[in-house]
Amino acid sequence: MNTDNQKAQMRKGILEYCILLILSREDAYTSQIIAQLKKAEMIVVEGTLYPILTRQKNQGLLCYRWEESSQGPPRKYYSITDEGREYLGQLNILWQELVAQIDKLSSNSII
């Protein structure tokens, strides 16, 4: 059975969390965020990323600034807000709870 679809759905569900994790370390522009996700083997295209960044900005979790680039047009750098850091802290707790719950289930199953 092919699990590619399930894998893609799981990634979609945690992508917002992953973006906040990346931006909690340093400000970044879209191509840098995509590169970090690819490095973690979470392949994402710009068309998927932009709506999430816009939604997170509208929720007050992110802000952005424009910076001149020596290699082309100005770049939009995203950064996490204080509200975004607080929300990320809550997501970290929820993630740890979810992992623990899945671990309990998988340790009791026969594969």
C-alpha atoms as a PDB file:
ATOM      1  CA  MET A   1       0.000   0.000   0.000  1.00  0.00           C
ATOM      2  CA  ASN A   2       1.308   3.447  -0.924  1.00  0.00           C
ATOM      3  CA  THR A   3       1.575   5.832   2.063  1.00  0.00           C
ATOM      4  CA  ASP A   4       2.654   8.956   0.150  1.00  0.00           C
ATOM      5  CA  ASN A   5      -0.758  10.623   0.526  1.00  0.00           C
ATOM      6  CA  GLN A   6      -0.854  10.016   4.268  1.00  0.00           C
ATOM      7  CA  LYS A   7       2.694  11.335   4.614  1.00  0.00           C
ATOM      8  CA  ALA A   8       1.747  14.506   2.709  1.00  0.00           C
ATOM      9  CA  GLN A   9      -1.342  15.032   4.890  1.00  0.00           C
ATOM     10  CA  MET A  10       0.674  14.618   8.090  1.00  0.00           C
ATOM     11  CA  ARG A  11       3.240  17.142   6.860  1.00  0.00           C
ATOM     12  CA  LYS A  12       0.529  19.651   5.973  1.00  0.00           C
ATOM     13  CA  GLY A  13      -0.817  19.359   9.492  1.00  0.00           C
ATOM     14  CA  ILE A  14       2.473  20.300  11.130  1.00  0.00           C
ATOM     15  CA  LEU A  15       3.819  22.767   8.564  1.00  0.00           C
ATOM     16  CA  GLU A  16       2.646  25.844  10.494  1.00  0.00           C
ATOM     17  CA  TYR A  17       4.432  24.525  13.570  1.00  0.00           C
ATOM     18  CA  CYS A  18       7.617  23.898  11.569  1.00  0.00           C
ATOM     19  CA  ILE A  19       7.600  27.436  10.141  1.00  0.00           C
ATOM     20  CA  LEU A  20       7.373  28.914  13.629  1.00  0.00           C
ATOM     21  CA  LEU A  21      10.222  26.646  14.776  1.00  0.00           C
ATOM     22  CA  ILE A  22      12.430  27.873  11.927  1.00  0.00           C
ATOM     23  CA  LEU A  23      11.632  31.536  12.551  1.00  0.00           C
ATOM     24  CA  SER A  24      12.171  31.160  16.296  1.00  0.00           C
ATOM     25  CA  ARG A  25      15.870  30.590  15.546  1.00  0.00           C
ATOM     26  CA  GLU A  26      16.365  33.462  13.096  1.00  0.00           C
ATOM     27  CA  ASP A  27      14.558  35.792  10.717  1.00  0.00           C
ATOM     28  CA  ALA A  28      14.315  34.398   7.205  1.00  0.00           C
ATOM     29  CA  TYR A  29      12.923  35.077   3.761  1.00  0.00           C
ATOM     30  CA  THR A  30      10.797  32.562   1.907  1.00  0.00           C
ATOM     31  CA  SER A  31      13.602  30.805   0.037  1.00  0.00           C
ATOM     32  CA  GLN A  32      15.496  30.285   3.304  1.00  0.00           C
ATOM     33  CA  ILE A  33      12.407  28.816   4.974  1.00  0.00           C
ATOM     34  CA  ILE A  34      11.913  26.428   2.049  1.00  0.00           C
ATOM     35  CA  ALA A  35      15.601  25.441   2.175  1.00  0.00           C
ATOM     36  CA  GLN A  36      15.325  24.658   5.899  1.00  0.00           C
ATOM     37  CA  LEU A  37      12.217  22.562   5.289  1.00  0.00           C
ATOM     38  CA  LYS A  38      13.916  20.704   2.423  1.00  0.00           C
ATOM     39  CA  LYS A  39      16.960  20.091   4.616  1.00  0.00           C
ATOM     40  CA  ALA A  40      14.595  18.393   7.073  1.00  0.00           C
ATOM     41  CA  GLU A  41      13.168  16.422   4.115  1.00  0.00           C
ATOM     42  CA  MET A  42       9.852  18.301   4.217  1.00  0.00           C
ATOM     43  CA  ILE A  43       9.473  19.248   0.586  1.00  0.00           C
ATOM     44  CA  VAL A  44       7.319  22.362   0.224  1.00  0.00           C
ATOM     45  CA  VAL A  45       6.727  24.736  -2.670  1.00  0.00           C
ATOM     46  CA  GLU A  46       6.285  28.493  -2.456  1.00  0.00           C
ATOM     47  CA  GLY A  47       2.621  28.171  -3.403  1.00  0.00           C
ATOM     48  CA  THR A  48       2.023  26.220  -0.208  1.00  0.00           C
ATOM     49  CA  LEU A  49       4.175  28.429   1.994  1.00  0.00           C
ATOM     50  CA  TYR A  50       2.847  31.901   1.115  1.00  0.00           C
ATOM     51  CA  PRO A  51      -0.747  31.363   2.309  1.00  0.00           C
ATOM     52  CA  ILE A  52       0.534  29.982   5.621  1.00  0.00           C
ATOM     53  CA  LEU A  53       2.896  32.923   6.131  1.00  0.00           C
ATOM     54  CA  THR A  54       0.081  35.352   5.324  1.00  0.00           C
ATOM     55  CA  ARG A  55      -2.299  33.603   7.735  1.00  0.00           C
ATOM     56  CA  GLN A  56       0.317  33.577  10.505  1.00  0.00           C
ATOM     57  CA  LYS A  57       1.044  37.273   9.901  1.00  0.00           C
ATOM     58  CA  ASN A  58      -2.669  38.111  10.047  1.00  0.00           C
ATOM     59  CA  GLN A  59      -2.930  36.168  13.328  1.00  0.00           C
ATOM     60  CA  GLY A  60      -0.122  38.284  14.787  1.00  0.00           C
ATOM     61  CA  LEU A  61       2.289  35.351  15.019  1.00  0.00           C
ATOM     62  CA  LEU A  62       4.717  36.787  12.445  1.00  0.00           C
ATOM     63  CA  CYS A  63       5.759  40.147  11.107  1.00  0.00           C
ATOM     64  CA  TYR A  64       7.999  41.060   8.193  1.00  0.00           C
ATOM     65  CA  ARG A  65      10.353  43.712   6.950  1.00  0.00           C
ATOM     66  CA  TRP A  66      11.833  44.457   3.552  1.00  0.00           C
ATOM     67  CA  GLU A  67      15.616  44.372   3.090  1.00  0.00           C
ATOM     68  CA  GLU A  68      17.620  45.323   0.044  1.00  0.00           C
ATOM     69  CA  SER A  69      19.410  42.426  -1.625  1.00  0.00           C
ATOM     70  CA  SER A  70      22.712  42.532  -3.480  1.00  0.00           C
ATOM     71  CA  GLN A  71      21.338  39.759  -5.699  1.00  0.00           C
ATOM     72  CA  GLY A  72      18.097  41.123  -7.074  1.00  0.00           C
ATOM     73  CA  PRO A  73      14.975  42.779  -5.691  1.00  0.00           C
ATOM     74  CA  PRO A  74      14.408  43.489  -1.992  1.00  0.00           C
ATOM     75  CA  ARG A  75      13.563  40.480   0.152  1.00  0.00           C
ATOM     76  CA  LYS A  76      10.751  40.116   2.634  1.00  0.00           C
ATOM     77  CA  TYR A  77      12.206  38.801   5.903  1.00  0.00           C
ATOM     78  CA  TYR A  78       9.777  37.156   8.298  1.00  0.00           C
ATOM     79  CA  SER A  79      10.260  37.134  12.056  1.00  0.00           C
ATOM     80  CA  ILE A  80       8.305  35.625  14.905  1.00  0.00           C
ATOM     81  CA  THR A  81       6.483  38.009  17.246  1.00  0.00           C
ATOM     82  CA  ASP A  82       6.194  37.715  21.023  1.00  0.00           C
ATOM     83  CA  GLU A  83       2.686  36.360  20.484  1.00  0.00           C
ATOM     84  CA  GLY A  84       4.126  33.865  17.996  1.00  0.00           C
ATOM     85  CA  ARG A  85       6.734  32.706  20.545  1.00  0.00           C
ATOM     86  CA  GLU A  86       4.022  32.216  23.146  1.00  0.00           C
ATOM     87  CA  TYR A  87       1.926  30.239  20.666  1.00  0.00           C
ATOM     88  CA  LEU A  88       4.984  28.183  19.672  1.00  0.00           C
ATOM     89  CA  GLY A  89       5.506  27.316  23.338  1.00  0.00           C
ATOM     90  CA  GLN A  90       1.943  26.014  23.476  1.00  0.00           C
ATOM     91  CA  LEU A  91       2.471  24.031  20.264  1.00  0.00           C
ATOM     92  CA  ASN A  92       5.648  22.512  21.736  1.00  0.00           C
ATOM     93  CA  ILE A  93       3.631  21.210  24.693  1.00  0.00           C
ATOM     94  CA  LEU A  94       0.892  19.860  22.414  1.00  0.00           C
ATOM     95  CA  TRP A  95       3.483  18.192  20.178  1.00  0.00           C
ATOM     96  CA  GLN A  96       5.160  16.467  23.141  1.00  0.00           C
ATOM     97  CA  GLU A  97       1.769  15.255  24.365  1.00  0.00           C
ATOM     98  CA  LEU A  98       0.919  13.898  20.914  1.00  0.00           C
ATOM     99  CA  VAL A  99       4.260  12.106  20.571  1.00  0.00           C
ATOM    100  CA  ALA A 100       3.798  10.550  24.017  1.00  0.00           C
ATOM    101  CA  GLN A 101       0.284   9.398  23.111  1.00  0.00           C
ATOM    102  CA  ILE A 102       1.467   7.818  19.873  1.00  0.00           C
ATOM    103  CA  ASP A 103       4.389   6.179  21.687  1.00  0.00           C
ATOM    104  CA  LYS A 104       1.926   4.619  24.134  1.00  0.00           C
ATOM    105  CA  LEU A 105      -0.131   3.257  21.271  1.00  0.00           C
ATOM    106  CA  SER A 106       2.808   1.974  19.287  1.00  0.00           C
ATOM    107  CA  SER A 107       4.430   0.264  22.284  1.00  0.00           C
ATOM    108  CA  ASN A 108       1.204  -1.694  22.820  1.00  0.00           C
ATOM    109  CA  SER A 109       0.746  -2.754  19.213  1.00  0.00           C
ATOM    110  CA  ILE A 110       2.012  -5.816  17.442  1.00  0.00           C
ATOM    111  CA  ILE A 111       3.534  -5.087  14.084  1.00  0.00           C
END
